[in-house]
Amino acid sequence: MAIEVKVWRDGRPDPEIEGLVQIERYLQRLNLAEGFLVIFDQRTTAPEWEERMHSSKAATATASGRSVWVMRG
């Protein structure tokens, strides 16, 4: 299992796409079928912690068909 962590900061786009590309490279290199992408929203306009904390119910498939669970907080 591989884990990639991203931080969403003010003035920057949502890092999900960049994170999925990066975790896919890790999974390919390690010959793994699944992993996690964790995104921490640190923007000053971010919703309250309870509102922004969630995870995907089903894994997102990468371009090569690997499964990545996206968790946000």
PDB file of N, CA and C in Angstrom:
ATOM      1  N   MET A   1       0.848  -1.180   0.000  1.00  0.00           N
ATOM      2  CA  MET A   1       0.000   0.000   0.000  1.00  0.00           C
ATOM      3  C   MET A   1       0.889   1.237   0.000  1.00  0.00           C
ATOM      4  N   ALA A   2       0.546   2.193  -0.822  1.00  0.00           N
ATOM      5  CA  ALA A   2       1.280   3.455  -0.880  1.00  0.00           C
ATOM      6  C   ALA A   2       0.333   4.591  -0.490  1.00  0.00           C
ATOM      7  N   ILE A   3       0.896   5.640   0.101  1.00  0.00           N
ATOM      8  CA  ILE A   3       0.120   6.803   0.529  1.00  0.00           C
ATOM      9  C   ILE A   3       0.813   8.067   0.024  1.00  0.00           C
ATOM     10  N   GLU A   4       0.045   8.957  -0.591  1.00  0.00           N
ATOM     11  CA  GLU A   4       0.541  10.268  -1.000  1.00  0.00           C
ATOM     12  C   GLU A   4      -0.250  11.312  -0.223  1.00  0.00           C
ATOM     13  N   VAL A   5       0.423  12.310   0.338  1.00  0.00           N
ATOM     14  CA  VAL A   5      -0.221  13.373   1.107  1.00  0.00           C
ATOM     15  C   VAL A   5       0.010  14.695   0.390  1.00  0.00           C
ATOM     16  N   LYS A   6      -1.065  15.452   0.214  1.00  0.00           N
ATOM     17  CA  LYS A   6      -1.003  16.770  -0.402  1.00  0.00           C
ATOM     18  C   LYS A   6      -1.660  17.781   0.527  1.00  0.00           C
ATOM     19  N   VAL A   7      -1.224  19.030   0.444  1.00  0.00           N
ATOM     20  CA  VAL A   7      -1.820  20.122   1.214  1.00  0.00           C
ATOM     21  C   VAL A   7      -2.369  21.139   0.220  1.00  0.00           C
ATOM     22  N   TRP A   8      -3.643  21.497   0.394  1.00  0.00           N
ATOM     23  CA  TRP A   8      -4.287  22.495  -0.463  1.00  0.00           C
ATOM     24  C   TRP A   8      -4.160  23.834   0.242  1.00  0.00           C
ATOM     25  N   ARG A   9      -3.374  24.730  -0.341  1.00  0.00           N
ATOM     26  CA  ARG A   9      -3.088  26.038   0.265  1.00  0.00           C
ATOM     27  C   ARG A   9      -3.764  27.169  -0.516  1.00  0.00           C
ATOM     28  N   ASP A  10      -3.867  28.315   0.123  1.00  0.00           N
ATOM     29  CA  ASP A  10      -4.452  29.503  -0.513  1.00  0.00           C
ATOM     30  C   ASP A  10      -3.781  29.788  -1.854  1.00  0.00           C
ATOM     31  N   GLY A  11      -4.590  30.173  -2.831  1.00  0.00           N
ATOM     32  CA  GLY A  11      -4.076  30.578  -4.133  1.00  0.00           C
ATOM     33  C   GLY A  11      -3.626  29.432  -5.027  1.00  0.00           C
ATOM     34  N   ARG A  12      -3.817  28.212  -4.596  1.00  0.00           N
ATOM     35  CA  ARG A  12      -3.400  27.038  -5.369  1.00  0.00           C
ATOM     36  C   ARG A  12      -4.634  26.243  -5.781  1.00  0.00           C
ATOM     37  N   PRO A  13      -4.565  25.517  -6.893  1.00  0.00           N
ATOM     38  CA  PRO A  13      -5.705  24.676  -7.292  1.00  0.00           C
ATOM     39  C   PRO A  13      -5.799  23.428  -6.403  1.00  0.00           C
ATOM     40  N   ASP A  14      -6.944  22.800  -6.435  1.00  0.00           N
ATOM     41  CA  ASP A  14      -7.144  21.541  -5.722  1.00  0.00           C
ATOM     42  C   ASP A  14      -6.066  20.556  -6.183  1.00  0.00           C
ATOM     43  N   PRO A  15      -5.305  19.966  -5.278  1.00  0.00           N
ATOM     44  CA  PRO A  15      -4.185  19.101  -5.662  1.00  0.00           C
ATOM     45  C   PRO A  15      -4.574  17.663  -5.998  1.00  0.00           C
ATOM     46  N   GLU A  16      -5.859  17.368  -6.135  1.00  0.00           N
ATOM     47  CA  GLU A  16      -6.275  15.981  -6.363  1.00  0.00           C
ATOM     48  C   GLU A  16      -5.692  15.389  -7.640  1.00  0.00           C
ATOM     49  N   ILE A  17      -5.790  16.093  -8.747  1.00  0.00           N
ATOM     50  CA  ILE A  17      -5.285  15.544 -10.020  1.00  0.00           C
ATOM     51  C   ILE A  17      -3.778  15.306  -9.943  1.00  0.00           C
ATOM     52  N   GLU A  18      -3.050  16.289  -9.447  1.00  0.00           N
ATOM     53  CA  GLU A  18      -1.598  16.138  -9.288  1.00  0.00           C
ATOM     54  C   GLU A  18      -1.272  14.956  -8.370  1.00  0.00           C
ATOM     55  N   GLY A  19      -2.032  14.823  -7.293  1.00  0.00           N
ATOM     56  CA  GLY A  19      -1.810  13.736  -6.355  1.00  0.00           C
ATOM     57  C   GLY A  19      -2.091  12.375  -6.954  1.00  0.00           C
ATOM     58  N   LEU A  20      -3.157  12.279  -7.770  1.00  0.00           N
ATOM     59  CA  LEU A  20      -3.469  11.003  -8.425  1.00  0.00           C
ATOM     60  C   LEU A  20      -2.375  10.591  -9.398  1.00  0.00           C
ATOM     61  N   VAL A  21      -1.843  11.553 -10.135  1.00  0.00           N
ATOM     62  CA  VAL A  21      -0.742  11.256 -11.060  1.00  0.00           C
ATOM     63  C   VAL A  21       0.472  10.766 -10.278  1.00  0.00           C
ATOM     64  N   GLN A  22       0.775  11.430  -9.180  1.00  0.00           N
ATOM     65  CA  GLN A  22       1.949  11.068  -8.389  1.00  0.00           C
ATOM     66  C   GLN A  22       1.783   9.696  -7.733  1.00  0.00           C
ATOM     67  N   ILE A  23       0.615   9.421  -7.136  1.00  0.00           N
ATOM     68  CA  ILE A  23       0.422   8.129  -6.481  1.00  0.00           C
ATOM     69  C   ILE A  23       0.423   7.003  -7.509  1.00  0.00           C
ATOM     70  N   GLU A  24      -0.083   7.270  -8.707  1.00  0.00           N
ATOM     71  CA  GLU A  24      -0.052   6.243  -9.751  1.00  0.00           C
ATOM     72  C   GLU A  24       1.391   5.860 -10.101  1.00  0.00           C
ATOM     73  N   ARG A  25       2.278   6.855 -10.175  1.00  0.00           N
ATOM     74  CA  ARG A  25       3.691   6.550 -10.450  1.00  0.00           C
ATOM     75  C   ARG A  25       4.281   5.674  -9.351  1.00  0.00           C
ATOM     76  N   TYR A  26       3.965   5.995  -8.095  1.00  0.00           N
ATOM     77  CA  TYR A  26       4.446   5.176  -6.980  1.00  0.00           C
ATOM     78  C   TYR A  26       3.923   3.740  -7.099  1.00  0.00           C
ATOM     79  N   LEU A  27       2.632   3.612  -7.355  1.00  0.00           N
ATOM     80  CA  LEU A  27       2.025   2.288  -7.446  1.00  0.00           C
ATOM     81  C   LEU A  27       2.636   1.472  -8.579  1.00  0.00           C
ATOM     82  N   GLN A  28       2.866   2.107  -9.714  1.00  0.00           N
ATOM     83  CA  GLN A  28       3.500   1.407 -10.841  1.00  0.00           C
ATOM     84  C   GLN A  28       4.909   0.963 -10.462  1.00  0.00           C
ATOM     85  N   ARG A  29       5.689   1.847  -9.878  1.00  0.00           N
ATOM     86  CA  ARG A  29       7.076   1.543  -9.521  1.00  0.00           C
ATOM     87  C   ARG A  29       7.150   0.411  -8.495  1.00  0.00           C
ATOM     88  N   LEU A  30       6.199   0.392  -7.563  1.00  0.00           N
ATOM     89  CA  LEU A  30       6.197  -0.621  -6.514  1.00  0.00           C
ATOM     90  C   LEU A  30       5.368  -1.858  -6.873  1.00  0.00           C
ATOM     91  N   ASN A  31       4.764  -1.836  -8.067  1.00  0.00           N
ATOM     92  CA  ASN A  31       3.916  -2.929  -8.543  1.00  0.00           C
ATOM     93  C   ASN A  31       2.773  -3.216  -7.561  1.00  0.00           C
ATOM     94  N   LEU A  32       2.097  -2.147  -7.138  1.00  0.00           N
ATOM     95  CA  LEU A  32       0.973  -2.247  -6.222  1.00  0.00           C
ATOM     96  C   LEU A  32      -0.326  -1.929  -6.944  1.00  0.00           C
ATOM     97  N   ALA A  33      -1.425  -2.514  -6.483  1.00  0.00           N
ATOM     98  CA  ALA A  33      -2.719  -2.329  -7.132  1.00  0.00           C
ATOM     99  C   ALA A  33      -3.546  -1.212  -6.516  1.00  0.00           C
ATOM    100  N   GLU A  34      -3.210  -0.778  -5.297  1.00  0.00           N
ATOM    101  CA  GLU A  34      -4.036   0.240  -4.655  1.00  0.00           C
ATOM    102  C   GLU A  34      -3.227   1.117  -3.708  1.00  0.00           C
ATOM    103  N   GLY A  35      -3.798   2.297  -3.426  1.00  0.00           N
ATOM    104  CA  GLY A  35      -3.140   3.227  -2.533  1.00  0.00           C
ATOM    105  C   GLY A  35      -4.109   4.275  -2.021  1.00  0.00           C
ATOM    106  N   PHE A  36      -3.588   5.227  -1.254  1.00  0.00           N
ATOM    107  CA  PHE A  36      -4.384   6.305  -0.675  1.00  0.00           C
ATOM    108  C   PHE A  36      -3.804   7.657  -1.060  1.00  0.00           C
ATOM    109  N   LEU A  37      -4.688   8.600  -1.336  1.00  0.00           N
ATOM    110  CA  LEU A  37      -4.319  10.001  -1.524  1.00  0.00           C
ATOM    111  C   LEU A  37      -5.022  10.775  -0.419  1.00  0.00           C
ATOM    112  N   VAL A  38      -4.246  11.439   0.442  1.00  0.00           N
ATOM    113  CA  VAL A  38      -4.791  12.222   1.550  1.00  0.00           C
ATOM    114  C   VAL A  38      -4.555  13.701   1.242  1.00  0.00           C
ATOM    115  N   ILE A  39      -5.626  14.491   1.262  1.00  0.00           N
ATOM    116  CA  ILE A  39      -5.533  15.919   0.959  1.00  0.00           C
ATOM    117  C   ILE A  39      -5.999  16.717   2.180  1.00  0.00           C
ATOM    118  N   PHE A  40      -5.111  17.542   2.717  1.00  0.00           N
ATOM    119  CA  PHE A  40      -5.437  18.425   3.835  1.00  0.00           C
ATOM    120  C   PHE A  40      -5.720  19.814   3.274  1.00  0.00           C
ATOM    121  N   ASP A  41      -6.924  20.319   3.533  1.00  0.00           N
ATOM    122  CA  ASP A  41      -7.339  21.633   3.054  1.00  0.00           C
ATOM    123  C   ASP A  41      -6.926  22.680   4.083  1.00  0.00           C
ATOM    124  N   GLN A  42      -5.870  23.429   3.792  1.00  0.00           N
ATOM    125  CA  GLN A  42      -5.351  24.435   4.706  1.00  0.00           C
ATOM    126  C   GLN A  42      -5.655  25.862   4.239  1.00  0.00           C
ATOM    127  N   ARG A  43      -6.584  26.006   3.288  1.00  0.00           N
ATOM    128  CA  ARG A  43      -6.952  27.342   2.810  1.00  0.00           C
ATOM    129  C   ARG A  43      -7.662  28.116   3.918  1.00  0.00           C
ATOM    130  N   THR A  44      -7.493  29.418   3.919  1.00  0.00           N
ATOM    131  CA  THR A  44      -8.174  30.244   4.926  1.00  0.00           C
ATOM    132  C   THR A  44      -9.683  30.221   4.712  1.00  0.00           C
ATOM    133  N   THR A  45     -10.134  29.886   3.509  1.00  0.00           N
ATOM    134  CA  THR A  45     -11.560  29.820   3.201  1.00  0.00           C
ATOM    135  C   THR A  45     -12.118  28.405   3.310  1.00  0.00           C
ATOM    136  N   ALA A  46     -11.329  27.473   3.797  1.00  0.00           N
ATOM    137  CA  ALA A  46     -11.771  26.081   3.910  1.00  0.00           C
ATOM    138  C   ALA A  46     -12.940  25.980   4.882  1.00  0.00           C
ATOM    139  N   PRO A  47     -13.876  25.063   4.598  1.00  0.00           N
ATOM    140  CA  PRO A  47     -14.973  24.847   5.544  1.00  0.00           C
ATOM    141  C   PRO A  47     -14.440  24.367   6.900  1.00  0.00           C
ATOM    142  N   GLU A  48     -15.280  24.379   7.892  1.00  0.00           N
ATOM    143  CA  GLU A  48     -14.902  23.860   9.204  1.00  0.00           C
ATOM    144  C   GLU A  48     -14.478  22.399   9.069  1.00  0.00           C
ATOM    145  N   TRP A  49     -13.619  21.953   9.976  1.00  0.00           N
ATOM    146  CA  TRP A  49     -13.028  20.611   9.929  1.00  0.00           C
ATOM    147  C   TRP A  49     -14.094  19.520   9.723  1.00  0.00           C
ATOM    148  N   GLU A  50     -15.182  19.577  10.483  1.00  0.00           N
ATOM    149  CA  GLU A  50     -16.219  18.549  10.405  1.00  0.00           C
ATOM    150  C   GLU A  50     -16.847  18.482   9.017  1.00  0.00           C
ATOM    151  N   GLU A  51     -16.968  19.623   8.346  1.00  0.00           N
ATOM    152  CA  GLU A  51     -17.578  19.683   7.022  1.00  0.00           C
ATOM    153  C   GLU A  51     -16.650  19.183   5.923  1.00  0.00           C
ATOM    154  N   ARG A  52     -15.352  19.382   6.077  1.00  0.00           N
ATOM    155  CA  ARG A  52     -14.431  19.035   5.001  1.00  0.00           C
ATOM    156  C   ARG A  52     -13.834  17.634   5.135  1.00  0.00           C
ATOM    157  N   MET A  53     -14.060  16.983   6.268  1.00  0.00           N
ATOM    158  CA  MET A  53     -13.503  15.661   6.490  1.00  0.00           C
ATOM    159  C   MET A  53     -14.376  14.606   5.807  1.00  0.00           C
ATOM    160  N   HIS A  54     -13.843  13.956   4.792  1.00  0.00           N
ATOM    161  CA  HIS A  54     -14.566  12.860   4.144  1.00  0.00           C
ATOM    162  C   HIS A  54     -13.611  12.019   3.308  1.00  0.00           C
ATOM    163  N   SER A  55     -14.084  10.863   2.920  1.00  0.00           N
ATOM    164  CA  SER A  55     -13.303   9.990   2.054  1.00  0.00           C
ATOM    165  C   SER A  55     -14.218   9.449   0.963  1.00  0.00           C
ATOM    166  N   SER A  56     -13.609   8.999  -0.106  1.00  0.00           N
ATOM    167  CA  SER A  56     -14.402   8.437  -1.190  1.00  0.00           C
ATOM    168  C   SER A  56     -14.951   7.085  -0.752  1.00  0.00           C
ATOM    169  N   LYS A  57     -16.192   6.809  -1.106  1.00  0.00           N
ATOM    170  CA  LYS A  57     -16.807   5.528  -0.756  1.00  0.00           C
ATOM    171  C   LYS A  57     -16.211   4.409  -1.606  1.00  0.00           C
ATOM    172  N   ALA A  58     -15.898   4.722  -2.833  1.00  0.00           N
ATOM    173  CA  ALA A  58     -15.288   3.747  -3.738  1.00  0.00           C
ATOM    174  C   ALA A  58     -13.973   4.319  -4.240  1.00  0.00           C
ATOM    175  N   ALA A  59     -13.076   3.453  -4.557  1.00  0.00           N
ATOM    176  CA  ALA A  59     -11.772   3.899  -5.029  1.00  0.00           C
ATOM    177  C   ALA A  59     -11.891   4.550  -6.399  1.00  0.00           C
ATOM    178  N   THR A  60     -11.049   5.540  -6.629  1.00  0.00           N
ATOM    179  CA  THR A  60     -10.915   6.175  -7.929  1.00  0.00           C
ATOM    180  C   THR A  60      -9.932   5.344  -8.730  1.00  0.00           C
ATOM    181  N   ALA A  61     -10.251   5.059  -9.975  1.00  0.00           N
ATOM    182  CA  ALA A  61      -9.334   4.294 -10.817  1.00  0.00           C
ATOM    183  C   ALA A  61      -8.368   5.243 -11.511  1.00  0.00           C
ATOM    184  N   THR A  62      -7.096   4.904 -11.478  1.00  0.00           N
ATOM    185  CA  THR A  62      -6.092   5.697 -12.172  1.00  0.00           C
ATOM    186  C   THR A  62      -6.101   5.326 -13.648  1.00  0.00           C
ATOM    187  N   ALA A  63      -5.299   6.009 -14.436  1.00  0.00           N
ATOM    188  CA  ALA A  63      -5.237   5.742 -15.880  1.00  0.00           C
ATOM    189  C   ALA A  63      -4.852   4.296 -16.176  1.00  0.00           C
ATOM    190  N   SER A  64      -4.059   3.696 -15.303  1.00  0.00           N
ATOM    191  CA  SER A  64      -3.643   2.311 -15.530  1.00  0.00           C
ATOM    192  C   SER A  64      -4.534   1.307 -14.797  1.00  0.00           C
ATOM    193  N   GLY A  65      -5.645   1.782 -14.204  1.00  0.00           N
ATOM    194  CA  GLY A  65      -6.597   0.895 -13.575  1.00  0.00           C
ATOM    195  C   GLY A  65      -6.326   0.570 -12.123  1.00  0.00           C
ATOM    196  N   ARG A  66      -5.397   1.245 -11.496  1.00  0.00           N
ATOM    197  CA  ARG A  66      -5.129   1.018 -10.083  1.00  0.00           C
ATOM    198  C   ARG A  66      -6.147   1.769  -9.229  1.00  0.00           C
ATOM    199  N   SER A  67      -6.398   1.274  -8.042  1.00  0.00           N
ATOM    200  CA  SER A  67      -7.399   1.867  -7.151  1.00  0.00           C
ATOM    201  C   SER A  67      -6.739   2.815  -6.164  1.00  0.00           C
ATOM    202  N   VAL A  68      -7.325   4.021  -6.045  1.00  0.00           N
ATOM    203  CA  VAL A  68      -6.819   5.008  -5.090  1.00  0.00           C
ATOM    204  C   VAL A  68      -8.002   5.541  -4.304  1.00  0.00           C
ATOM    205  N   TRP A  69      -7.931   5.424  -2.974  1.00  0.00           N
ATOM    206  CA  TRP A  69      -8.950   6.002  -2.105  1.00  0.00           C
ATOM    207  C   TRP A  69      -8.505   7.417  -1.780  1.00  0.00           C
ATOM    208  N   VAL A  70      -9.405   8.382  -2.014  1.00  0.00           N
ATOM    209  CA  VAL A  70      -9.099   9.788  -1.758  1.00  0.00           C
ATOM    210  C   VAL A  70      -9.763  10.187  -0.441  1.00  0.00           C
ATOM    211  N   MET A  71      -8.947  10.678   0.468  1.00  0.00           N
ATOM    212  CA  MET A  71      -9.434  11.124   1.776  1.00  0.00           C
ATOM    213  C   MET A  71      -9.119  12.607   1.915  1.00  0.00           C
ATOM    214  N   ARG A  72     -10.097  13.372   2.390  1.00  0.00           N
ATOM    215  CA  ARG A  72      -9.922  14.821   2.536  1.00  0.00           C
ATOM    216  C   ARG A  72     -10.160  15.240   3.981  1.00  0.00           C
ATOM    217  N   GLY A  73      -9.378  16.227   4.377  1.00  0.00           N
ATOM    218  CA  GLY A  73      -9.559  16.730   5.737  1.00  0.00           C
ATOM    219  C   GLY A  73      -9.042  18.129   5.865  1.00  0.00           C
TER     220      GLY A  73
END
